[in-house]
Amino acid sequence: MNLSFDHLVHFLRRNPAEAVAAMGQAGFHAVPGGRHPLWGTWNSLCYFGLSYVEFLAVEQEETARQSDNPLVCQLVADIASAGEGMGQIALRTTRMDEWAAHLSAKGIRVTGPVAGSRTRGDGSVIRWRMLFIQAEESGFQPPFLIEWGEPDAERMEDLAKRGIWAAHPNGADSFLEVVYAVHHLEEAVDRWHQWFAAEAGPVTYEKQLDAWCQRIALPGGDVLLCQPKGDGWTARALRERGERPFLARFGGGRGEQVWNCFGGSYGLAGQGE
């Protein structure tokens, strides 16, 4: 696929600084991000190498409501209908134009590439491009693609130098996976294959999630697609927020732990023992 997991977007209806505080109480290193003036949004960030969680909120409501950026449109719609929680993921590429042409040639409608930028607190600006697959009527939101303006090694060096990426006090050391609730597992896997030629692993039963799941392995963090078996965690997530991510798991720490944060869940797998 030539794609890597880039980041998980967690939608908020509050100041993103509150997510910094909440994640900090759970032992995660999180930092303020910046503002997107053209979209009326602002964010905070929690990094695990180059993979990260973005806490995204509306700052200027009128600007956000008038935006044609599909991610901002989803943020506004999801907050109104389902409230706070995980809403989307981005996959990183260095071949954005090739992906745009490839998807269009397959008859898949796309929006973009869309240019993006964010002003940091110190006034510096970072830039990227995004490509969005237009969502189907099913309600399952396709991931969007992102291409950064600098090579990975330069970004990593800059993140470390600025203290944006740093060790997590709770021992988290890697982004393992993001977990999606889906209505029909086979259909969800087929969509991923259609979009990205992604191959999923075998079906397994995840007791903690009470769901049948299939894994799509990606550099930087896997995607676990899960269909509820009973009325457990996955079924509740599906009722409350639809076919969206609802849990992120990280390697490291001592023993398994899970924290709830503004409609989403973050867990340590305890691999550091």
Protein backbone atom coordinates (compact mmCIF):
# COMPACT_ATOMS: atom_id res chain seq x y z
CA MET A 1 0.00 0.00 0.00
CA ASN A 2 2.97 2.34 0.59
CA LEU A 3 0.95 3.84 3.43
CA SER A 4 1.68 4.26 7.14
CA PHE A 5 -0.58 5.07 10.05
CA ASP A 6 -0.18 8.80 10.72
CA HIS A 7 -2.69 9.94 13.31
CA LEU A 8 -6.01 9.50 15.05
CA VAL A 9 -8.37 12.50 15.23
CA HIS A 10 -10.37 12.87 18.46
CA PHE A 11 -13.19 15.42 18.16
CA LEU A 12 -13.78 17.81 21.08
CA ARG A 13 -16.34 20.46 21.93
CA ARG A 14 -14.00 22.14 24.43
CA ASN A 15 -10.65 23.88 24.55
CA PRO A 16 -8.01 21.35 23.36
CA ALA A 17 -5.89 22.34 26.38
CA GLU A 18 -8.32 20.31 28.50
CA ALA A 19 -7.23 17.17 26.62
CA VAL A 20 -3.60 18.02 27.40
CA ALA A 21 -4.49 18.11 31.10
CA ALA A 22 -6.60 14.93 30.98
CA MET A 23 -4.00 12.93 29.10
CA GLY A 24 -1.32 14.27 31.41
CA GLN A 25 -3.20 12.93 34.43
CA ALA A 26 -3.10 9.50 32.77
CA GLY A 27 0.67 9.77 32.33
CA PHE A 28 0.78 10.73 28.65
CA HIS A 29 2.95 13.54 27.31
CA ALA A 30 0.56 15.82 25.41
CA VAL A 31 1.10 19.39 24.23
CA PRO A 32 -0.86 22.31 22.79
CA GLY A 33 -0.90 22.29 19.00
CA GLY A 34 -2.04 25.42 17.23
CA ARG A 35 -4.73 27.02 15.13
CA HIS A 36 -6.10 26.51 11.61
CA PRO A 37 -7.52 30.00 10.86
CA LEU A 38 -8.97 29.09 7.46
CA TRP A 39 -11.00 26.26 9.02
CA GLY A 40 -11.87 27.82 12.38
CA THR A 41 -10.31 24.94 14.35
CA TRP A 42 -7.53 24.39 16.89
CA ASN A 43 -5.89 21.34 18.38
CA SER A 44 -3.59 19.64 20.86
CA LEU A 45 -1.29 16.67 20.23
CA CYS A 46 0.04 13.48 21.81
CA TYR A 47 2.93 11.81 19.92
CA PHE A 48 4.31 8.26 19.83
CA GLY A 49 7.19 8.62 17.41
CA LEU A 50 5.63 9.93 14.20
CA SER A 51 2.22 8.42 15.04
CA TYR A 52 0.02 10.64 17.17
CA VAL A 53 -3.38 11.59 18.51
CA GLU A 54 -4.82 14.93 17.46
CA PHE A 55 -7.50 16.48 19.69
CA LEU A 56 -9.42 18.74 17.30
CA ALA A 57 -12.07 21.31 18.22
CA VAL A 58 -13.97 24.22 16.69
CA GLU A 59 -12.62 27.61 17.77
CA GLN A 60 -14.49 29.89 15.37
CA GLU A 61 -17.91 28.36 14.83
CA GLU A 62 -19.01 30.44 11.84
CA THR A 63 -15.75 29.77 9.96
CA ALA A 64 -15.92 26.04 10.70
CA ARG A 65 -19.54 25.77 9.56
CA GLN A 66 -18.69 27.40 6.24
CA SER A 67 -15.61 25.23 5.62
CA ASP A 68 -15.59 22.79 2.72
CA ASN A 69 -12.76 20.74 4.27
CA PRO A 70 -14.29 17.24 4.68
CA LEU A 71 -12.58 16.68 8.05
CA VAL A 72 -13.95 19.93 9.46
CA CYS A 73 -17.39 19.10 8.04
CA GLN A 74 -17.23 15.73 9.82
CA LEU A 75 -16.10 17.39 13.05
CA VAL A 76 -19.04 19.80 13.00
CA ALA A 77 -21.55 17.06 12.11
CA ASP A 78 -20.25 14.44 14.58
CA ILE A 79 -20.12 16.86 17.51
CA ALA A 80 -23.73 17.88 16.81
CA SER A 81 -25.05 14.33 16.42
CA ALA A 82 -22.92 12.12 18.66
CA GLY A 83 -20.85 14.44 20.83
CA GLU A 84 -17.18 14.13 21.65
CA GLY A 85 -15.10 11.11 20.72
CA MET A 86 -12.77 9.59 18.16
CA GLY A 87 -13.83 10.38 14.64
CA GLN A 88 -11.23 9.70 11.99
CA ILE A 89 -7.73 8.49 11.13
CA ALA A 90 -5.11 9.63 8.63
CA LEU A 91 -2.71 7.47 6.64
CA ARG A 92 0.64 8.94 5.62
CA THR A 93 1.99 8.82 2.08
CA THR A 94 4.82 10.33 0.06
CA ARG A 95 2.91 9.72 -3.20
CA MET A 96 -0.20 11.85 -2.82
CA ASP A 97 -0.67 12.69 -6.50
CA GLU A 98 -0.26 9.04 -7.48
CA TRP A 99 -2.91 8.03 -4.95
CA ALA A 100 -5.30 10.71 -6.22
CA ALA A 101 -4.90 9.46 -9.79
CA HIS A 102 -5.10 5.78 -8.75
CA LEU A 103 -8.31 6.17 -6.76
CA SER A 104 -9.95 8.31 -9.43
CA ALA A 105 -9.04 5.75 -12.10
CA LYS A 106 -10.88 3.10 -10.06
CA GLY A 107 -14.01 5.26 -10.05
CA ILE A 108 -13.61 6.26 -6.40
CA ARG A 109 -14.53 9.90 -5.87
CA VAL A 110 -11.98 11.99 -4.00
CA THR A 111 -11.62 15.54 -2.73
CA GLY A 112 -8.19 17.11 -2.98
CA PRO A 113 -5.33 17.13 -2.54
CA VAL A 114 -6.25 19.89 -0.08
CA ALA A 115 -3.44 22.11 1.19
CA GLY A 116 -3.27 22.56 4.96
CA SER A 117 -1.20 24.55 7.41
CA ARG A 118 -1.06 25.29 11.10
CA THR A 119 0.53 28.14 13.02
CA ARG A 120 2.38 26.99 16.13
CA GLY A 121 2.40 28.97 19.35
CA ASP A 122 5.83 30.37 18.45
CA GLY A 123 4.52 31.67 15.14
CA SER A 124 6.17 29.04 12.91
CA VAL A 125 4.03 27.34 10.27
CA ILE A 126 3.90 23.68 9.27
CA ARG A 127 2.34 22.55 6.00
CA TRP A 128 0.79 19.40 4.56
CA ARG A 129 -1.64 18.09 1.94
CA MET A 130 -4.70 15.89 2.44
CA LEU A 131 -6.74 13.64 0.15
CA PHE A 132 -10.27 12.60 1.12
CA ILE A 133 -12.25 9.67 -0.20
CA GLN A 134 -15.88 10.73 -0.44
CA ALA A 135 -17.92 8.82 2.12
CA GLU A 136 -20.56 6.34 1.06
CA GLU A 137 -24.14 6.36 2.32
CA SER A 138 -23.27 3.52 4.70
CA GLY A 139 -21.89 5.95 7.27
CA PHE A 140 -18.46 4.29 7.35
CA GLN A 141 -15.94 7.12 7.09
CA PRO A 142 -12.91 6.28 4.93
CA PRO A 143 -9.52 7.31 6.31
CA PHE A 144 -7.95 10.32 4.64
CA LEU A 145 -4.41 10.48 3.28
CA ILE A 146 -1.84 13.03 4.40
CA GLU A 147 1.49 14.08 2.92
CA TRP A 148 3.83 16.22 5.01
CA GLY A 149 6.06 18.98 3.70
CA GLU A 150 9.24 17.51 5.24
CA PRO A 151 10.79 14.02 5.19
CA ASP A 152 10.02 11.78 8.17
CA ALA A 153 13.53 12.04 9.64
CA GLU A 154 13.43 15.85 9.62
CA ARG A 155 9.96 15.90 11.19
CA MET A 156 11.06 13.51 13.94
CA GLU A 157 14.13 15.62 14.71
CA ASP A 158 12.03 18.79 14.85
CA LEU A 159 9.35 17.21 17.07
CA ALA A 160 11.98 16.05 19.54
CA LYS A 161 13.82 19.39 19.52
CA ARG A 162 10.61 21.27 20.28
CA GLY A 163 9.56 18.87 23.03
CA ILE A 164 6.41 17.91 21.15
CA TRP A 165 7.54 14.30 21.12
CA ALA A 166 9.00 13.09 24.42
CA ALA A 167 8.90 10.05 26.71
CA HIS A 168 5.54 9.32 28.33
CA PRO A 169 5.68 9.10 32.15
CA ASN A 170 3.34 6.07 32.11
CA GLY A 171 5.78 4.09 29.95
CA ALA A 172 3.84 4.16 26.67
CA ASP A 173 6.40 3.75 23.90
CA SER A 174 4.56 2.95 20.66
CA PHE A 175 1.20 3.32 18.93
CA LEU A 176 -0.05 -0.26 18.57
CA GLU A 177 -3.53 0.01 17.10
CA VAL A 178 -6.74 1.94 16.70
CA VAL A 179 -9.98 -0.05 17.08
CA TYR A 180 -13.07 0.60 14.91
CA ALA A 181 -16.63 -0.50 15.59
CA VAL A 182 -18.33 -1.67 12.38
CA HIS A 183 -21.76 -3.10 11.58
CA HIS A 184 -20.54 -5.72 9.10
CA LEU A 185 -16.95 -6.92 9.36
CA GLU A 186 -16.72 -8.48 5.91
CA GLU A 187 -18.03 -5.31 4.23
CA ALA A 188 -15.59 -3.12 6.17
CA VAL A 189 -12.63 -5.31 5.20
CA ASP A 190 -13.79 -5.27 1.57
CA ARG A 191 -13.90 -1.44 1.60
CA TRP A 192 -10.34 -1.23 2.88
CA HIS A 193 -9.25 -3.61 0.13
CA GLN A 194 -11.09 -1.59 -2.51
CA TRP A 195 -9.60 1.71 -1.35
CA PHE A 196 -6.03 0.71 -0.55
CA ALA A 197 -5.57 -2.93 -1.65
CA ALA A 198 -5.19 -3.67 2.07
CA GLU A 199 -5.03 -7.30 3.21
CA ALA A 200 -6.63 -8.16 6.54
CA GLY A 201 -5.58 -10.93 8.90
CA PRO A 202 -7.82 -13.82 10.02
CA VAL A 203 -11.01 -13.29 11.99
CA THR A 204 -10.44 -13.51 15.75
CA TYR A 205 -12.65 -13.08 18.77
CA GLU A 206 -11.54 -10.28 21.13
CA LYS A 207 -13.02 -11.03 24.55
CA GLN A 208 -12.42 -7.58 26.05
CA LEU A 209 -14.16 -5.99 23.08
CA ASP A 210 -16.81 -8.73 22.78
CA ALA A 211 -16.36 -8.63 19.02
CA TRP A 212 -15.19 -10.50 15.96
CA CYS A 213 -12.20 -8.61 14.58
CA GLN A 214 -9.77 -8.47 11.67
CA ARG A 215 -6.45 -6.64 11.70
CA ILE A 216 -4.97 -4.49 8.96
CA ALA A 217 -1.26 -4.18 9.72
CA LEU A 218 0.33 -0.80 9.00
CA PRO A 219 3.68 0.75 9.82
CA GLY A 220 3.16 3.09 12.76
CA GLY A 221 -0.02 1.44 14.07
CA ASP A 222 -2.53 -1.20 13.02
CA VAL A 223 -6.24 -0.83 12.34
CA LEU A 224 -8.50 -3.37 14.07
CA LEU A 225 -11.99 -3.62 12.54
CA CYS A 226 -14.51 -5.11 14.99
CA GLN A 227 -18.10 -6.31 14.64
CA PRO A 228 -19.98 -6.81 17.93
CA LYS A 229 -20.75 -10.35 19.02
CA GLY A 230 -22.80 -9.50 22.10
CA ASP A 231 -23.87 -6.31 23.85
CA GLY A 232 -20.37 -5.43 25.05
CA TRP A 233 -17.91 -2.58 24.59
CA THR A 234 -17.96 -2.60 20.78
CA ALA A 235 -21.75 -2.75 20.58
CA ARG A 236 -22.05 0.23 22.94
CA ALA A 237 -19.54 2.23 20.90
CA LEU A 238 -21.44 1.44 17.71
CA ARG A 239 -24.75 2.61 19.20
CA GLU A 240 -23.31 5.80 20.62
CA ARG A 241 -21.09 7.00 17.75
CA GLY A 242 -21.65 4.76 14.74
CA GLU A 243 -18.87 3.24 12.64
CA ARG A 244 -16.01 5.16 14.17
CA PRO A 245 -12.79 4.41 16.06
CA PHE A 246 -13.36 4.17 19.80
CA LEU A 247 -10.14 2.82 21.34
CA ALA A 248 -6.40 3.38 20.85
CA ARG A 249 -3.85 1.01 22.38
CA PHE A 250 -0.19 1.70 23.05
CA GLY A 251 2.78 -0.52 23.84
CA GLY A 252 4.71 -0.17 27.07
CA GLY A 253 3.77 0.46 30.67
CA ARG A 254 3.34 -1.99 33.50
CA GLY A 255 0.21 -4.06 33.15
CA GLU A 256 -2.88 -3.35 31.08
CA GLN A 257 -4.65 -0.09 31.82
CA VAL A 258 -7.44 1.88 30.12
CA TRP A 259 -8.39 5.54 30.54
CA ASN A 260 -11.52 7.24 29.26
CA CYS A 261 -11.06 10.73 27.86
CA PHE A 262 -13.90 12.84 26.46
CA GLY A 263 -15.75 10.03 24.68
CA GLY A 264 -12.73 7.93 23.67
CA SER A 265 -10.61 5.27 25.37
CA TYR A 266 -6.82 4.98 25.56
CA GLY A 267 -5.10 1.84 26.80
CA LEU A 268 -1.67 0.48 27.60
CA ALA A 269 -0.96 -3.10 26.56
CA GLY A 270 1.64 -3.63 29.26
CA GLN A 271 4.35 -4.75 26.86
CA GLY A 272 7.00 -2.99 28.89
CA GLU A 273 6.87 -5.55 31.71
